[in-house]
Amino acid sequence: MAPWIPLDAENVIYAGDIVAIIDWTQGKASRANRELVGYARAHGFLTEDGSEPRSLVITKDRVFLLRASQKSVRKKLDRT
């Protein structure tokens, strides 16, 4: 059983639902990543914390642009 991971103050996700964790500072250069974020935003399943995003977390049913770095999110996942 995979544990729950706090992404930020408002979002907690089930670790088993994580599909990918991407460094957004590098990943935003990818057209596919930008299209995914645009699609998620247009269809209401993108969560943004309102700051300059540093990581992109993709789950089975949501996409998160987070202020936390990819390394920070991976550490939280590794602690479980």
PDB file of N, CA and C in Angstrom:
ATOM      1  N   MET A   1       0.835  -1.191   0.000  1.00  0.00           N
ATOM      2  CA  MET A   1       0.000   0.000   0.000  1.00  0.00           C
ATOM      3  C   MET A   1       0.877   1.250   0.000  1.00  0.00           C
ATOM      4  N   ALA A   2       0.699   2.094  -0.968  1.00  0.00           N
ATOM      5  CA  ALA A   2       1.489   3.324  -1.064  1.00  0.00           C
ATOM      6  C   ALA A   2       0.906   4.393  -0.147  1.00  0.00           C
ATOM      7  N   PRO A   3       1.748   5.173   0.472  1.00  0.00           N
ATOM      8  CA  PRO A   3       1.292   6.225   1.402  1.00  0.00           C
ATOM      9  C   PRO A   3       0.890   7.507   0.680  1.00  0.00           C
ATOM     10  N   TRP A   4       0.411   8.413   1.463  1.00  0.00           N
ATOM     11  CA  TRP A   4       0.011   9.725   0.971  1.00  0.00           C
ATOM     12  C   TRP A   4       1.201  10.669   1.012  1.00  0.00           C
ATOM     13  N   ILE A   5       1.314  11.537   0.016  1.00  0.00           N
ATOM     14  CA  ILE A   5       2.427  12.477  -0.114  1.00  0.00           C
ATOM     15  C   ILE A   5       1.860  13.905  -0.118  1.00  0.00           C
ATOM     16  N   PRO A   6       2.324  14.771   0.802  1.00  0.00           N
ATOM     17  CA  PRO A   6       1.896  16.175   0.742  1.00  0.00           C
ATOM     18  C   PRO A   6       2.698  16.922  -0.324  1.00  0.00           C
ATOM     19  N   LEU A   7       2.024  17.466  -1.321  1.00  0.00           N
ATOM     20  CA  LEU A   7       2.705  18.228  -2.359  1.00  0.00           C
ATOM     21  C   LEU A   7       2.944  19.669  -1.926  1.00  0.00           C
ATOM     22  N   ASP A   8       1.962  20.223  -1.243  1.00  0.00           N
ATOM     23  CA  ASP A   8       2.051  21.576  -0.708  1.00  0.00           C
ATOM     24  C   ASP A   8       1.043  21.683   0.425  1.00  0.00           C
ATOM     25  N   ALA A   9       0.759  22.885   0.872  1.00  0.00           N
ATOM     26  CA  ALA A   9      -0.139  23.075   2.017  1.00  0.00           C
ATOM     27  C   ALA A   9      -1.569  22.617   1.744  1.00  0.00           C
ATOM     28  N   GLU A  10      -1.967  22.560   0.475  1.00  0.00           N
ATOM     29  CA  GLU A  10      -3.353  22.244   0.140  1.00  0.00           C
ATOM     30  C   GLU A  10      -3.564  20.917  -0.576  1.00  0.00           C
ATOM     31  N   ASN A  11      -2.502  20.307  -1.062  1.00  0.00           N
ATOM     32  CA  ASN A  11      -2.657  19.119  -1.902  1.00  0.00           C
ATOM     33  C   ASN A  11      -1.875  17.930  -1.365  1.00  0.00           C
ATOM     34  N   VAL A  12      -2.598  16.861  -1.122  1.00  0.00           N
ATOM     35  CA  VAL A  12      -2.011  15.600  -0.697  1.00  0.00           C
ATOM     36  C   VAL A  12      -2.472  14.547  -1.698  1.00  0.00           C
ATOM     37  N   ILE A  13      -1.520  13.745  -2.192  1.00  0.00           N
ATOM     38  CA  ILE A  13      -1.867  12.742  -3.184  1.00  0.00           C
ATOM     39  C   ILE A  13      -1.392  11.372  -2.747  1.00  0.00           C
ATOM     40  N   TYR A  14      -1.990  10.371  -3.304  1.00  0.00           N
ATOM     41  CA  TYR A  14      -1.613   8.991  -3.065  1.00  0.00           C
ATOM     42  C   TYR A  14      -0.375   8.686  -3.894  1.00  0.00           C
ATOM     43  N   ALA A  15       0.694   8.243  -3.276  1.00  0.00           N
ATOM     44  CA  ALA A  15       1.963   8.016  -3.973  1.00  0.00           C
ATOM     45  C   ALA A  15       1.800   7.059  -5.156  1.00  0.00           C
ATOM     46  N   GLY A  16       0.929   6.092  -5.037  1.00  0.00           N
ATOM     47  CA  GLY A  16       0.713   5.132  -6.110  1.00  0.00           C
ATOM     48  C   GLY A  16       0.078   5.724  -7.349  1.00  0.00           C
ATOM     49  N   ASP A  17      -0.469   6.936  -7.239  1.00  0.00           N
ATOM     50  CA  ASP A  17      -1.090   7.601  -8.388  1.00  0.00           C
ATOM     51  C   ASP A  17      -0.100   8.427  -9.208  1.00  0.00           C
ATOM     52  N   ILE A  18       1.130   8.596  -8.719  1.00  0.00           N
ATOM     53  CA  ILE A  18       2.113   9.411  -9.427  1.00  0.00           C
ATOM     54  C   ILE A  18       2.589   8.679 -10.680  1.00  0.00           C
ATOM     55  N   VAL A  19       2.506   9.372 -11.796  1.00  0.00           N
ATOM     56  CA  VAL A  19       2.962   8.842 -13.078  1.00  0.00           C
ATOM     57  C   VAL A  19       4.353   9.388 -13.388  1.00  0.00           C
ATOM     58  N   ALA A  20       4.575  10.694 -13.136  1.00  0.00           N
ATOM     59  CA  ALA A  20       5.861  11.312 -13.430  1.00  0.00           C
ATOM     60  C   ALA A  20       6.074  12.545 -12.566  1.00  0.00           C
ATOM     61  N   ILE A  21       7.342  12.819 -12.279  1.00  0.00           N
ATOM     62  CA  ILE A  21       7.766  14.048 -11.607  1.00  0.00           C
ATOM     63  C   ILE A  21       8.834  14.659 -12.503  1.00  0.00           C
ATOM     64  N   ILE A  22       8.570  15.862 -13.013  1.00  0.00           N
ATOM     65  CA  ILE A  22       9.440  16.478 -14.018  1.00  0.00           C
ATOM     66  C   ILE A  22       9.954  17.816 -13.505  1.00  0.00           C
ATOM     67  N   ASP A  23      11.236  18.069 -13.740  1.00  0.00           N
ATOM     68  CA  ASP A  23      11.823  19.373 -13.451  1.00  0.00           C
ATOM     69  C   ASP A  23      11.259  20.360 -14.468  1.00  0.00           C
ATOM     70  N   TRP A  24      10.368  21.229 -14.038  1.00  0.00           N
ATOM     71  CA  TRP A  24       9.679  22.122 -14.962  1.00  0.00           C
ATOM     72  C   TRP A  24      10.609  23.190 -15.530  1.00  0.00           C
ATOM     73  N   THR A  25      11.676  23.552 -14.813  1.00  0.00           N
ATOM     74  CA  THR A  25      12.602  24.548 -15.356  1.00  0.00           C
ATOM     75  C   THR A  25      13.236  24.033 -16.641  1.00  0.00           C
ATOM     76  N   GLN A  26      13.418  22.727 -16.762  1.00  0.00           N
ATOM     77  CA  GLN A  26      13.919  22.103 -17.977  1.00  0.00           C
ATOM     78  C   GLN A  26      12.762  21.602 -18.856  1.00  0.00           C
ATOM     79  N   GLY A  27      11.760  21.027 -18.220  1.00  0.00           N
ATOM     80  CA  GLY A  27      10.658  20.385 -18.929  1.00  0.00           C
ATOM     81  C   GLY A  27       9.764  21.313 -19.722  1.00  0.00           C
ATOM     82  N   LYS A  28       9.740  22.599 -19.343  1.00  0.00           N
ATOM     83  CA  LYS A  28       8.876  23.527 -20.080  1.00  0.00           C
ATOM     84  C   LYS A  28       9.386  23.775 -21.494  1.00  0.00           C
ATOM     85  N   ALA A  29      10.611  23.386 -21.777  1.00  0.00           N
ATOM     86  CA  ALA A  29      11.150  23.505 -23.131  1.00  0.00           C
ATOM     87  C   ALA A  29      10.518  22.481 -24.080  1.00  0.00           C
ATOM     88  N   SER A  30       9.942  21.427 -23.519  1.00  0.00           N
ATOM     89  CA  SER A  30       9.328  20.381 -24.327  1.00  0.00           C
ATOM     90  C   SER A  30       7.927  20.798 -24.774  1.00  0.00           C
ATOM     91  N   ARG A  31       7.708  20.742 -26.064  1.00  0.00           N
ATOM     92  CA  ARG A  31       6.389  21.088 -26.608  1.00  0.00           C
ATOM     93  C   ARG A  31       5.307  20.171 -26.037  1.00  0.00           C
ATOM     94  N   ALA A  32       5.612  18.884 -25.908  1.00  0.00           N
ATOM     95  CA  ALA A  32       4.634  17.925 -25.378  1.00  0.00           C
ATOM     96  C   ALA A  32       4.245  18.280 -23.946  1.00  0.00           C
ATOM     97  N   ASN A  33       5.211  18.665 -23.127  1.00  0.00           N
ATOM     98  CA  ASN A  33       4.900  19.045 -21.745  1.00  0.00           C
ATOM     99  C   ASN A  33       4.034  20.298 -21.700  1.00  0.00           C
ATOM    100  N   ARG A  34       4.365  21.289 -22.523  1.00  0.00           N
ATOM    101  CA  ARG A  34       3.560  22.514 -22.559  1.00  0.00           C
ATOM    102  C   ARG A  34       2.145  22.224 -23.045  1.00  0.00           C
ATOM    103  N   GLU A  35       2.007  21.354 -24.022  1.00  0.00           N
ATOM    104  CA  GLU A  35       0.675  20.983 -24.511  1.00  0.00           C
ATOM    105  C   GLU A  35      -0.116  20.247 -23.440  1.00  0.00           C
ATOM    106  N   LEU A  36       0.539  19.362 -22.701  1.00  0.00           N
ATOM    107  CA  LEU A  36      -0.137  18.656 -21.611  1.00  0.00           C
ATOM    108  C   LEU A  36      -0.659  19.638 -20.575  1.00  0.00           C
ATOM    109  N   VAL A  37       0.175  20.593 -20.182  1.00  0.00           N
ATOM    110  CA  VAL A  37      -0.237  21.595 -19.197  1.00  0.00           C
ATOM    111  C   VAL A  37      -1.383  22.444 -19.748  1.00  0.00           C
ATOM    112  N   GLY A  38      -1.291  22.847 -20.992  1.00  0.00           N
ATOM    113  CA  GLY A  38      -2.374  23.629 -21.606  1.00  0.00           C
ATOM    114  C   GLY A  38      -3.682  22.857 -21.653  1.00  0.00           C
ATOM    115  N   TYR A  39      -3.604  21.589 -22.019  1.00  0.00           N
ATOM    116  CA  TYR A  39      -4.798  20.743 -22.068  1.00  0.00           C
ATOM    117  C   TYR A  39      -5.393  20.577 -20.667  1.00  0.00           C
ATOM    118  N   ALA A  40      -4.525  20.308 -19.692  1.00  0.00           N
ATOM    119  CA  ALA A  40      -4.999  20.138 -18.309  1.00  0.00           C
ATOM    120  C   ALA A  40      -5.651  21.421 -17.802  1.00  0.00           C
ATOM    121  N   ARG A  41      -5.064  22.560 -18.122  1.00  0.00           N
ATOM    122  CA  ARG A  41      -5.623  23.854 -17.701  1.00  0.00           C
ATOM    123  C   ARG A  41      -6.991  24.071 -18.351  1.00  0.00           C
ATOM    124  N   ALA A  42      -7.089  23.821 -19.646  1.00  0.00           N
ATOM    125  CA  ALA A  42      -8.334  24.043 -20.388  1.00  0.00           C
ATOM    126  C   ALA A  42      -9.455  23.118 -19.926  1.00  0.00           C
ATOM    127  N   HIS A  43      -9.108  21.930 -19.446  1.00  0.00           N
ATOM    128  CA  HIS A  43     -10.112  20.952 -19.054  1.00  0.00           C
ATOM    129  C   HIS A  43     -10.289  20.811 -17.541  1.00  0.00           C
ATOM    130  N   GLY A  44      -9.664  21.699 -16.782  1.00  0.00           N
ATOM    131  CA  GLY A  44      -9.923  21.788 -15.352  1.00  0.00           C
ATOM    132  C   GLY A  44      -9.249  20.745 -14.470  1.00  0.00           C
ATOM    133  N   PHE A  45      -8.201  20.097 -14.953  1.00  0.00           N
ATOM    134  CA  PHE A  45      -7.511  19.172 -14.056  1.00  0.00           C
ATOM    135  C   PHE A  45      -6.052  19.551 -13.825  1.00  0.00           C
ATOM    136  N   LEU A  46      -5.759  20.853 -13.953  1.00  0.00           N
ATOM    137  CA  LEU A  46      -4.449  21.392 -13.603  1.00  0.00           C
ATOM    138  C   LEU A  46      -4.572  22.124 -12.273  1.00  0.00           C
ATOM    139  N   THR A  47      -3.660  21.847 -11.358  1.00  0.00           N
ATOM    140  CA  THR A  47      -3.580  22.564 -10.094  1.00  0.00           C
ATOM    141  C   THR A  47      -2.274  23.334 -10.085  1.00  0.00           C
ATOM    142  N   GLU A  48      -2.367  24.651  -9.883  1.00  0.00           N
ATOM    143  CA  GLU A  48      -1.190  25.511  -9.802  1.00  0.00           C
ATOM    144  C   GLU A  48      -1.202  26.205  -8.457  1.00  0.00           C
ATOM    145  N   ASP A  49      -0.022  26.390  -7.866  1.00  0.00           N
ATOM    146  CA  ASP A  49      -0.003  27.068  -6.573  1.00  0.00           C
ATOM    147  C   ASP A  49       0.215  28.573  -6.703  1.00  0.00           C
ATOM    148  N   GLY A  50       0.209  29.095  -7.938  1.00  0.00           N
ATOM    149  CA  GLY A  50       0.225  30.535  -8.151  1.00  0.00           C
ATOM    150  C   GLY A  50       1.602  31.175  -8.167  1.00  0.00           C
ATOM    151  N   SER A  51       2.645  30.414  -8.008  1.00  0.00           N
ATOM    152  CA  SER A  51       3.987  30.971  -8.026  1.00  0.00           C
ATOM    153  C   SER A  51       4.745  30.457  -9.247  1.00  0.00           C
ATOM    154  N   GLU A  52       5.985  30.844  -9.378  1.00  0.00           N
ATOM    155  CA  GLU A  52       6.821  30.355 -10.475  1.00  0.00           C
ATOM    156  C   GLU A  52       7.051  28.858 -10.284  1.00  0.00           C
ATOM    157  N   PRO A  53       6.492  28.019 -11.145  1.00  0.00           N
ATOM    158  CA  PRO A  53       6.603  26.571 -10.951  1.00  0.00           C
ATOM    159  C   PRO A  53       8.007  26.047 -11.208  1.00  0.00           C
ATOM    160  N   ARG A  54       8.402  25.076 -10.379  1.00  0.00           N
ATOM    161  CA  ARG A  54       9.705  24.434 -10.523  1.00  0.00           C
ATOM    162  C   ARG A  54       9.576  22.951 -10.821  1.00  0.00           C
ATOM    163  N   SER A  55       8.382  22.394 -10.594  1.00  0.00           N
ATOM    164  CA  SER A  55       8.192  20.978 -10.914  1.00  0.00           C
ATOM    165  C   SER A  55       6.796  20.737 -11.467  1.00  0.00           C
ATOM    166  N   LEU A  56       6.712  19.681 -12.245  1.00  0.00           N
ATOM    167  CA  LEU A  56       5.455  19.224 -12.830  1.00  0.00           C
ATOM    168  C   LEU A  56       5.236  17.810 -12.324  1.00  0.00           C
ATOM    169  N   VAL A  57       4.133  17.601 -11.616  1.00  0.00           N
ATOM    170  CA  VAL A  57       3.800  16.275 -11.107  1.00  0.00           C
ATOM    171  C   VAL A  57       2.548  15.810 -11.839  1.00  0.00           C
ATOM    172  N   ILE A  58       2.661  14.658 -12.471  1.00  0.00           N
ATOM    173  CA  ILE A  58       1.550  14.095 -13.231  1.00  0.00           C
ATOM    174  C   ILE A  58       1.046  12.876 -12.481  1.00  0.00           C
ATOM    175  N   THR A  59      -0.257  12.865 -12.193  1.00  0.00           N
ATOM    176  CA  THR A  59      -0.875  11.716 -11.547  1.00  0.00           C
ATOM    177  C   THR A  59      -1.891  11.121 -12.514  1.00  0.00           C
ATOM    178  N   LYS A  60      -2.556  10.081 -12.065  1.00  0.00           N
ATOM    179  CA  LYS A  60      -3.538   9.410 -12.923  1.00  0.00           C
ATOM    180  C   LYS A  60      -4.673  10.332 -13.359  1.00  0.00           C
ATOM    181  N   ASP A  61      -5.025  11.310 -12.520  1.00  0.00           N
ATOM    182  CA  ASP A  61      -6.180  12.142 -12.860  1.00  0.00           C
ATOM    183  C   ASP A  61      -5.971  13.648 -12.698  1.00  0.00           C
ATOM    184  N   ARG A  62      -4.758  14.093 -12.327  1.00  0.00           N
ATOM    185  CA  ARG A  62      -4.481  15.524 -12.160  1.00  0.00           C
ATOM    186  C   ARG A  62      -3.060  15.824 -12.603  1.00  0.00           C
ATOM    187  N   VAL A  63      -2.840  17.101 -12.892  1.00  0.00           N
ATOM    188  CA  VAL A  63      -1.513  17.608 -13.207  1.00  0.00           C
ATOM    189  C   VAL A  63      -1.264  18.778 -12.260  1.00  0.00           C
ATOM    190  N   PHE A  64      -0.082  18.796 -11.646  1.00  0.00           N
ATOM    191  CA  PHE A  64       0.266  19.827 -10.667  1.00  0.00           C
ATOM    192  C   PHE A  64       1.510  20.574 -11.131  1.00  0.00           C
ATOM    193  N   LEU A  65       1.435  21.906 -11.159  1.00  0.00           N
ATOM    194  CA  LEU A  65       2.607  22.754 -11.332  1.00  0.00           C
ATOM    195  C   LEU A  65       2.918  23.317  -9.951  1.00  0.00           C
ATOM    196  N   LEU A  66       4.089  22.984  -9.422  1.00  0.00           N
ATOM    197  CA  LEU A  66       4.405  23.304  -8.037  1.00  0.00           C
ATOM    198  C   LEU A  66       5.635  24.190  -7.897  1.00  0.00           C
ATOM    199  N   ARG A  67       5.655  24.937  -6.828  1.00  0.00           N
ATOM    200  CA  ARG A  67       6.794  25.776  -6.464  1.00  0.00           C
ATOM    201  C   ARG A  67       7.950  24.904  -5.982  1.00  0.00           C
ATOM    202  N   ALA A  68       7.659  23.757  -5.398  1.00  0.00           N
ATOM    203  CA  ALA A  68       8.691  22.839  -4.906  1.00  0.00           C
ATOM    204  C   ALA A  68       9.493  22.275  -6.074  1.00  0.00           C
ATOM    205  N   SER A  69      10.767  22.033  -5.839  1.00  0.00           N
ATOM    206  CA  SER A  69      11.612  21.473  -6.890  1.00  0.00           C
ATOM    207  C   SER A  69      11.312  19.992  -7.092  1.00  0.00           C
ATOM    208  N   GLN A  70      11.734  19.481  -8.231  1.00  0.00           N
ATOM    209  CA  GLN A  70      11.583  18.054  -8.514  1.00  0.00           C
ATOM    210  C   GLN A  70      12.302  17.247  -7.442  1.00  0.00           C
ATOM    211  N   LYS A  71      13.468  17.682  -7.062  1.00  0.00           N
ATOM    212  CA  LYS A  71      14.264  16.984  -6.043  1.00  0.00           C
ATOM    213  C   LYS A  71      13.507  16.918  -4.713  1.00  0.00           C
ATOM    214  N   SER A  72      12.877  18.005  -4.330  1.00  0.00           N
ATOM    215  CA  SER A  72      12.116  18.054  -3.080  1.00  0.00           C
ATOM    216  C   SER A  72      10.927  17.088  -3.113  1.00  0.00           C
ATOM    217  N   VAL A  73      10.218  17.051  -4.224  1.00  0.00           N
ATOM    218  CA  VAL A  73       9.067  16.144  -4.344  1.00  0.00           C
ATOM    219  C   VAL A  73       9.542  14.691  -4.317  1.00  0.00           C
ATOM    220  N   ARG A  74      10.636  14.399  -5.003  1.00  0.00           N
ATOM    221  CA  ARG A  74      11.193  13.029  -5.002  1.00  0.00           C
ATOM    222  C   ARG A  74      11.631  12.604  -3.602  1.00  0.00           C
ATOM    223  N   LYS A  75      12.201  13.539  -2.829  1.00  0.00           N
ATOM    224  CA  LYS A  75      12.596  13.221  -1.452  1.00  0.00           C
ATOM    225  C   LYS A  75      11.381  12.814  -0.620  1.00  0.00           C
ATOM    226  N   LYS A  76      10.294  13.557  -0.776  1.00  0.00           N
ATOM    227  CA  LYS A  76       9.069  13.213  -0.052  1.00  0.00           C
ATOM    228  C   LYS A  76       8.603  11.808  -0.436  1.00  0.00           C
ATOM    229  N   LEU A  77       8.693  11.495  -1.712  1.00  0.00           N
ATOM    230  CA  LEU A  77       8.280  10.174  -2.187  1.00  0.00           C
ATOM    231  C   LEU A  77       9.217   9.093  -1.651  1.00  0.00           C
ATOM    232  N   ASP A  78      10.495   9.363  -1.625  1.00  0.00           N
ATOM    233  CA  ASP A  78      11.480   8.387  -1.143  1.00  0.00           C
ATOM    234  C   ASP A  78      11.357   8.106   0.351  1.00  0.00           C
ATOM    235  N   ARG A  79      10.848   9.062   1.115  1.00  0.00           N
ATOM    236  CA  ARG A  79      10.688   8.889   2.563  1.00  0.00           C
ATOM    237  C   ARG A  79       9.565   7.931   2.931  1.00  0.00           C
ATOM    238  N   THR A  80       8.754   7.579   1.963  1.00  0.00           N
ATOM    239  CA  THR A  80       7.593   6.747   2.236  1.00  0.00           C
ATOM    240  C   THR A  80       7.936   5.277   2.228  1.00  0.00           C
TER     241      THR A  80
END
